[in-house]
N, C-alpha and C. Protein backbone atom coordinates (compact mmCIF):
# COMPACT_ATOMS: atom_id res chain seq x y z
N UNK A 1 5.71 -12.39 -4.92
CA UNK A 1 6.01 -11.92 -3.49
C UNK A 1 4.10 -12.29 -3.14
N UNK A 2 4.64 -13.04 -1.26
CA UNK A 2 3.56 -13.42 -1.41
C UNK A 2 2.43 -11.19 -0.20
N UNK A 3 1.24 -11.70 -0.84
CA UNK A 3 0.82 -10.86 0.14
C UNK A 3 -0.24 -10.91 1.37
N UNK A 4 -0.52 -10.65 2.17
CA UNK A 4 -0.86 -10.69 3.54
C UNK A 4 -1.80 -8.90 4.05
N UNK A 5 -2.80 -9.74 4.80
CA UNK A 5 -3.40 -8.94 5.78
C UNK A 5 -4.27 -8.23 3.86
N UNK A 6 -4.82 -9.37 3.20
CA UNK A 6 -5.36 -8.49 1.90
C UNK A 6 -6.80 -8.21 2.44
N UNK A 7 -7.02 -8.74 4.14
CA UNK A 7 -8.61 -8.42 4.10
C UNK A 7 -8.69 -6.76 4.16
N UNK A 8 -7.61 -6.20 4.27
CA UNK A 8 -7.85 -4.57 4.04
C UNK A 8 -7.98 -3.77 2.82
N UNK A 9 -7.77 -4.91 2.42
CA UNK A 9 -8.24 -3.96 0.35
C UNK A 9 -9.64 -5.00 0.03
N UNK A 10 -10.12 -5.65 0.70
CA UNK A 10 -11.22 -6.49 0.39
C UNK A 10 -12.66 -5.99 0.68
N UNK A 11 -12.32 -5.26 2.37
CA UNK A 11 -12.97 -4.02 3.04
C UNK A 11 -13.28 -3.59 2.35
N UNK A 12 -12.41 -2.57 1.53
CA UNK A 12 -12.41 -1.24 0.30
C UNK A 12 -12.59 -1.66 -0.26
N UNK A 13 -12.69 -3.07 -0.88
CA UNK A 13 -13.30 -3.40 -2.06
C UNK A 13 -14.53 -3.07 -1.99
N UNK A 14 -14.79 -3.91 -0.73
CA UNK A 14 -17.55 -3.88 -0.77
C UNK A 14 -17.30 -2.50 0.23
N UNK A 15 -16.81 -1.81 0.65
CA UNK A 15 -17.24 -0.47 0.84
C UNK A 15 -18.20 0.47 -0.37
N UNK A 16 -16.78 0.11 -1.20
CA UNK A 16 -16.85 0.86 -3.11
C UNK A 16 -16.81 0.10 -4.13
N UNK A 17 -18.25 -0.93 -3.75
CA UNK A 17 -18.76 -1.97 -4.54
C UNK A 17 -18.57 -1.09 -5.51
N UNK A 18 -19.21 -1.24 -5.97
CA UNK A 18 -20.30 0.34 -7.48
C UNK A 18 -19.21 0.78 -7.87
N UNK A 19 -17.80 0.98 -6.93
CA UNK A 19 -16.99 2.08 -7.68
C UNK A 19 -15.97 0.80 -8.74
N UNK A 20 -16.06 0.06 -9.74
CA UNK A 20 -15.54 -0.31 -10.54
C UNK A 20 -14.65 -0.31 -10.52
N UNK A 21 -14.13 0.98 -10.91
CA UNK A 21 -12.88 1.99 -11.37
C UNK A 21 -11.60 1.33 -10.81
N UNK A 22 -11.91 1.90 -8.74
CA UNK A 22 -11.13 0.91 -7.57
C UNK A 22 -11.45 0.33 -8.27
N UNK A 23 -12.59 -1.61 -8.26
CA UNK A 23 -11.53 -2.05 -7.58
C UNK A 23 -10.82 -3.32 -8.43
N UNK A 24 -11.10 -2.48 -9.95
CA UNK A 24 -10.64 -3.09 -11.11
C UNK A 24 -8.82 -2.60 -10.25
N UNK A 25 -8.76 -1.10 -9.96
CA UNK A 25 -7.23 -0.65 -9.52
C UNK A 25 -6.38 -1.82 -8.27
N UNK A 26 -7.73 -1.90 -7.97
CA UNK A 26 -6.89 -2.75 -6.90
C UNK A 26 -6.67 -4.56 -6.88
N UNK A 27 -7.59 -4.70 -7.78
CA UNK A 27 -7.28 -5.66 -8.23
C UNK A 27 -6.05 -6.10 -9.33
N UNK A 28 -5.82 -5.15 -9.66
CA UNK A 28 -4.29 -5.24 -10.88
C UNK A 28 -3.33 -4.99 -9.36
N UNK A 29 -3.91 -3.74 -9.19
CA UNK A 29 -2.02 -3.44 -7.15
C UNK A 29 -2.09 -4.90 -6.88
N UNK A 30 -3.20 -6.26 -6.58
CA UNK A 30 -3.06 -6.80 -6.26
C UNK A 30 -1.67 -8.03 -6.98
N UNK A 31 -2.32 -8.77 -8.05
CA UNK A 31 -2.01 -8.98 -9.22
C UNK A 31 -0.37 -8.85 -9.62
N UNK A 32 -0.23 -7.48 -9.70
CA UNK A 32 1.27 -7.04 -9.85
C UNK A 32 2.77 -7.19 -8.26
N UNK A 33 1.26 -7.06 -7.27
CA UNK A 33 2.41 -6.95 -6.15
C UNK A 33 2.67 -8.77 -6.42
N UNK A 34 1.50 -9.65 -6.68
CA UNK A 34 1.63 -11.50 -6.05
C UNK A 34 2.50 -11.41 -7.02
N UNK A 35 2.84 -11.12 -8.20
CA UNK A 35 3.52 -11.10 -9.54
C UNK A 35 4.85 -11.04 -9.51
N UNK A 36 5.02 -9.61 -7.82
CA UNK A 36 6.16 -9.51 -8.06
C UNK A 36 7.64 -10.16 -7.99
N UNK A 37 8.50 -9.89 -8.66
CA UNK A 37 9.82 -11.01 -7.64
C UNK A 37 10.68 -9.23 -8.20
N UNK A 38 10.88 -8.84 -7.04
CA UNK A 38 11.65 -7.86 -7.21
C UNK A 38 12.94 -7.95 -5.47
N UNK A 39 13.76 -7.57 -6.17
CA UNK A 39 14.38 -7.69 -5.34
C UNK A 39 15.51 -6.40 -4.69
N UNK A 40 14.37 -5.07 -5.29
CA UNK A 40 15.20 -3.87 -4.64
C UNK A 40 13.85 -2.89 -4.80
N UNK A 41 13.56 -1.92 -3.76
CA UNK A 41 12.82 -1.09 -4.31
C UNK A 41 13.00 -0.41 -5.75
N UNK A 42 14.19 0.11 -6.15
CA UNK A 42 14.09 0.68 -7.93
C UNK A 42 12.99 -0.89 -8.42
N UNK A 43 13.65 -2.02 -8.56
CA UNK A 43 12.17 -2.97 -9.66
C UNK A 43 11.11 -2.85 -8.82
N UNK A 44 10.82 -2.32 -8.20
CA UNK A 44 8.89 -2.27 -7.44
C UNK A 44 8.22 -0.54 -8.01
N UNK A 45 9.39 0.54 -7.50
CA UNK A 45 8.95 1.79 -9.07
C UNK A 45 9.14 1.95 -9.45
N UNK A 46 9.95 0.80 -10.73
CA UNK A 46 10.09 0.95 -12.31
C UNK A 46 8.43 0.22 -12.66
N UNK A 47 8.15 -0.69 -11.68
CA UNK A 47 6.60 -1.88 -11.86
C UNK A 47 5.92 -0.64 -12.27
N UNK A 48 5.80 -0.16 -11.02
CA UNK A 48 5.02 0.67 -10.85
C UNK A 48 5.48 2.25 -10.30
N UNK A 49 5.31 3.29 -10.92
CA UNK A 49 5.16 3.94 -10.56
C UNK A 49 4.63 5.10 -9.83
N UNK A 50 4.03 4.92 -9.04
CA UNK A 50 2.87 5.42 -8.53
C UNK A 50 3.59 5.21 -7.07
N UNK A 51 4.15 3.52 -6.80
CA UNK A 51 4.77 3.62 -4.99
C UNK A 51 5.47 5.08 -5.03
N UNK A 52 5.43 5.79 -3.60
CA UNK A 52 6.35 6.29 -2.73
C UNK A 52 6.44 5.04 -1.31
N UNK A 53 8.21 5.55 -1.43
CA UNK A 53 8.76 4.98 0.16
C UNK A 53 8.60 6.08 0.58
N UNK A 54 7.63 6.15 1.98
CA UNK A 54 7.65 6.61 3.13
C UNK A 54 8.61 6.31 4.85
N UNK A 55 8.64 5.17 4.13
CA UNK A 55 9.61 4.74 5.23
C UNK A 55 10.92 4.18 4.68
N UNK A 56 12.09 3.85 5.30
CA UNK A 56 13.04 3.33 5.01
C UNK A 56 12.91 2.14 5.20
N UNK A 57 12.24 2.02 6.17
CA UNK A 57 11.82 -0.19 6.39
C UNK A 57 11.14 -0.87 5.99
N UNK A 58 10.37 0.11 4.54
CA UNK A 58 10.36 -0.95 2.98
C UNK A 58 8.47 -0.36 3.58
N UNK A 59 7.98 0.97 3.33
CA UNK A 59 7.33 1.27 3.23
C UNK A 59 6.58 2.10 1.89
N UNK A 60 6.26 1.44 1.79
CA UNK A 60 5.21 1.94 0.37
C UNK A 60 4.14 2.85 0.58
N UNK A 61 3.00 4.13 0.08
CA UNK A 61 2.03 4.46 -0.68
C UNK A 61 2.13 4.27 -2.16
N UNK A 62 0.59 3.30 -2.60
CA UNK A 62 -0.01 3.60 -3.82
C UNK A 62 -1.01 4.05 -4.12
N UNK A 63 -1.08 5.03 -4.83
CA UNK A 63 -1.81 6.22 -5.17
C UNK A 63 -2.74 4.82 -6.38
N UNK A 64 -4.34 4.98 -5.89
CA UNK A 64 -5.40 3.80 -6.80
C UNK A 64 -6.65 5.08 -6.49
N UNK A 65 -6.49 5.24 -8.18
CA UNK A 65 -8.64 5.87 -8.13
C UNK A 65 -8.88 6.53 -7.10
N UNK A 66 -7.83 7.90 -6.49
CA UNK A 66 -8.46 8.70 -5.53
C UNK A 66 -8.35 7.73 -3.72
N UNK A 67 -7.90 6.72 -3.69
CA UNK A 67 -7.41 6.09 -2.90
C UNK A 67 -6.05 5.67 -2.20
N UNK A 68 -5.43 5.56 -1.46
CA UNK A 68 -3.91 5.36 -0.77
C UNK A 68 -4.16 3.90 -0.15
N UNK A 69 -3.15 3.67 -0.74
CA UNK A 69 -2.81 2.25 0.39
C UNK A 69 -1.50 2.07 0.86
N UNK A 70 -1.30 1.25 2.29
CA UNK A 70 0.30 1.58 2.75
C UNK A 70 0.11 0.32 2.57
N UNK A 71 1.84 -0.35 2.05
CA UNK A 71 2.29 -1.40 2.21
C UNK A 71 3.59 -1.77 2.77
N UNK A 72 3.67 -2.92 3.61
CA UNK A 72 5.41 -3.06 4.48
C UNK A 72 5.54 -3.88 3.02
N UNK A 73 6.84 -3.53 2.30
CA UNK A 73 7.20 -4.93 1.12
C UNK A 73 8.52 -5.34 1.77
N UNK A 74 8.92 -6.24 2.07
CA UNK A 74 9.82 -6.94 2.72
C UNK A 74 10.36 -7.55 1.25
N UNK A 75 11.82 -7.16 1.14
CA UNK A 75 12.05 -7.61 -0.33
C UNK A 75 12.80 -9.10 -0.32
N UNK A 76 13.33 -8.78 1.34
CA UNK A 76 14.63 -9.93 1.35
C UNK A 76 13.85 -11.46 1.84
N UNK A 77 12.10 -11.09 1.95
CA UNK A 77 11.47 -12.54 2.73
C UNK A 77 10.07 -12.53 1.69
N UNK A 78 10.36 -11.74 0.30
CA UNK A 78 9.60 -12.25 -0.14
C UNK A 78 8.36 -12.05 0.19
N UNK A 79 8.10 -11.05 1.04
CA UNK A 79 6.83 -10.95 1.03
C UNK A 79 6.41 -9.22 1.31
N UNK A 80 4.70 -9.41 1.26
CA UNK A 80 4.36 -7.80 1.13
C UNK A 80 3.26 -7.56 1.83
N UNK A 81 3.20 -6.95 2.86
CA UNK A 81 1.67 -6.85 3.94
C UNK A 81 0.80 -5.31 3.94
N UNK A 82 -0.63 -5.29 3.84
CA UNK A 82 -1.18 -4.42 3.44
C UNK A 82 -1.16 -4.39 4.86
N UNK A 83 -1.28 -2.46 4.96
CA UNK A 83 -0.32 -2.26 6.38
C UNK A 83 -2.11 -1.23 6.60
N UNK A 84 -2.76 -0.57 6.06
CA UNK A 84 -3.53 0.44 6.05
C UNK A 84 -3.73 0.94 4.83
N UNK A 85 -5.84 0.87 4.17
CA UNK A 85 -6.19 1.86 3.52
C UNK A 85 -7.62 2.39 3.52
N UNK A 86 -6.81 3.68 2.63
CA UNK A 86 -8.22 4.48 2.83
C UNK A 86 -8.11 5.65 1.42
N UNK A 87 -9.48 6.48 1.58
CA UNK A 87 -9.38 7.45 0.20
C UNK A 87 -8.46 8.68 0.72
N UNK A 88 -8.25 9.04 -0.37
CA UNK A 88 -7.51 10.26 -0.69
C UNK A 88 -7.42 11.30 1.05
N UNK A 89 -8.51 11.69 1.30
CA UNK A 89 -9.33 11.82 2.29
C UNK A 89 -9.04 11.66 4.19
N UNK A 90 -9.59 10.09 3.45
CA UNK A 90 -8.88 9.23 4.98
C UNK A 90 -7.72 9.46 4.98
N UNK A 91 -6.56 9.83 4.42
CA UNK A 91 -4.79 9.80 4.29
C UNK A 91 -4.59 10.92 4.82
N UNK A 92 -5.68 12.40 4.66
CA UNK A 92 -5.17 13.60 4.73
C UNK A 92 -5.26 13.42 6.00
N UNK A 93 -6.19 13.16 6.62
CA UNK A 93 -6.04 12.98 7.91
C UNK A 93 -5.83 12.23 8.75
N UNK A 94 -5.78 11.68 8.78
CA UNK A 94 -4.61 10.36 9.34
C UNK A 94 -2.94 10.74 9.13
N UNK A 95 -2.61 10.80 7.89
CA UNK A 95 -1.11 10.45 7.69
C UNK A 95 -0.36 12.60 7.80
N UNK A 96 -1.91 13.35 7.53
CA UNK A 96 -1.00 14.67 7.14
C UNK A 96 -0.36 15.10 5.77
N UNK A 97 -0.35 14.13 4.99
CA UNK A 97 1.09 14.71 3.85
C UNK A 97 2.77 14.27 5.04
N UNK A 98 2.78 14.05 5.74
CA UNK A 98 3.59 14.34 7.02
C UNK A 98 4.08 12.70 7.00
N UNK A 99 6.26 12.64 6.54
CA UNK A 99 6.68 11.62 6.68
C UNK A 99 6.97 11.13 8.30
N UNK A 100 7.12 12.78 9.30
CA UNK A 100 7.42 12.10 10.47
C UNK A 100 5.61 11.34 11.19
N UNK A 101 4.59 12.08 10.67
CA UNK A 101 3.20 11.83 11.20
C UNK A 101 3.01 9.43 10.95
N UNK A 102 3.69 9.44 9.71
CA UNK A 102 3.45 8.47 9.35
C UNK A 102 4.56 7.56 9.66
N UNK A 103 5.53 8.00 10.33
CA UNK A 103 6.59 7.17 11.07
C UNK A 103 5.67 7.12 12.27
N UNK A 104 5.39 8.61 12.98
CA UNK A 104 4.65 7.81 14.34
C UNK A 104 2.84 7.13 14.81
N UNK A 105 2.86 6.76 13.19
CA UNK A 105 1.11 5.53 13.23
C UNK A 105 2.36 4.88 13.18
N UNK A 106 2.81 4.16 12.64
CA UNK A 106 3.78 3.43 12.29
C UNK A 106 4.26 2.93 13.43
N UNK A 107 4.61 3.54 14.76
CA UNK A 107 5.72 2.94 15.74
C UNK A 107 3.70 2.17 17.19
N UNK A 108 3.16 3.97 17.30
CA UNK A 108 1.73 3.49 17.72
C UNK A 108 0.41 2.24 17.22
N UNK A 109 1.73 1.82 16.30
CA UNK A 109 0.24 0.83 15.48
C UNK A 109 1.41 -0.56 15.20
N UNK A 110 3.03 -0.81 16.03
CA UNK A 110 3.84 -1.68 16.84
C UNK A 110 4.58 -2.24 15.38
N UNK A 111 4.31 -1.16 13.98
CA UNK A 111 5.13 -1.59 12.60
C UNK A 111 5.87 -1.58 13.38
N UNK A 112 6.87 -0.43 13.15
CA UNK A 112 8.26 -0.21 13.17
C UNK A 112 9.11 -0.26 15.64
C-alpha cells in the first residue's frame, strides 16, 4: 500500500525528537501500512488492533503513544493518506471525541 502525505508524520516526529518511543511507533505504523495488502477493513483491523474506523469512506484513527493519527485508507486503489496527526489532547480539542465533529471537520477540509 502506498502512503501519501507522510510529511505530516515527519513533522510530528521532528516536533517530538526526544521521544524515541513515539518515533519508533510512527515508523512501525508507516512500515505496517506500506507493507499492508489489505482488501477490506477487517484485514486492516486484524493487523492493527488500534485502528478505529471513524467514517464509512475509509477514515481511521490509530493510537500510538498518546498520539492519534487520522488516515484515509482507500482499499480499492491500494493507497493511504495521512490526513491529520496530533497528541490525544489535540485530538480532543479538534474533534471532541465525537464522530459528527470528525465528519464536519472532514467536510470543511474537503476530504469528503
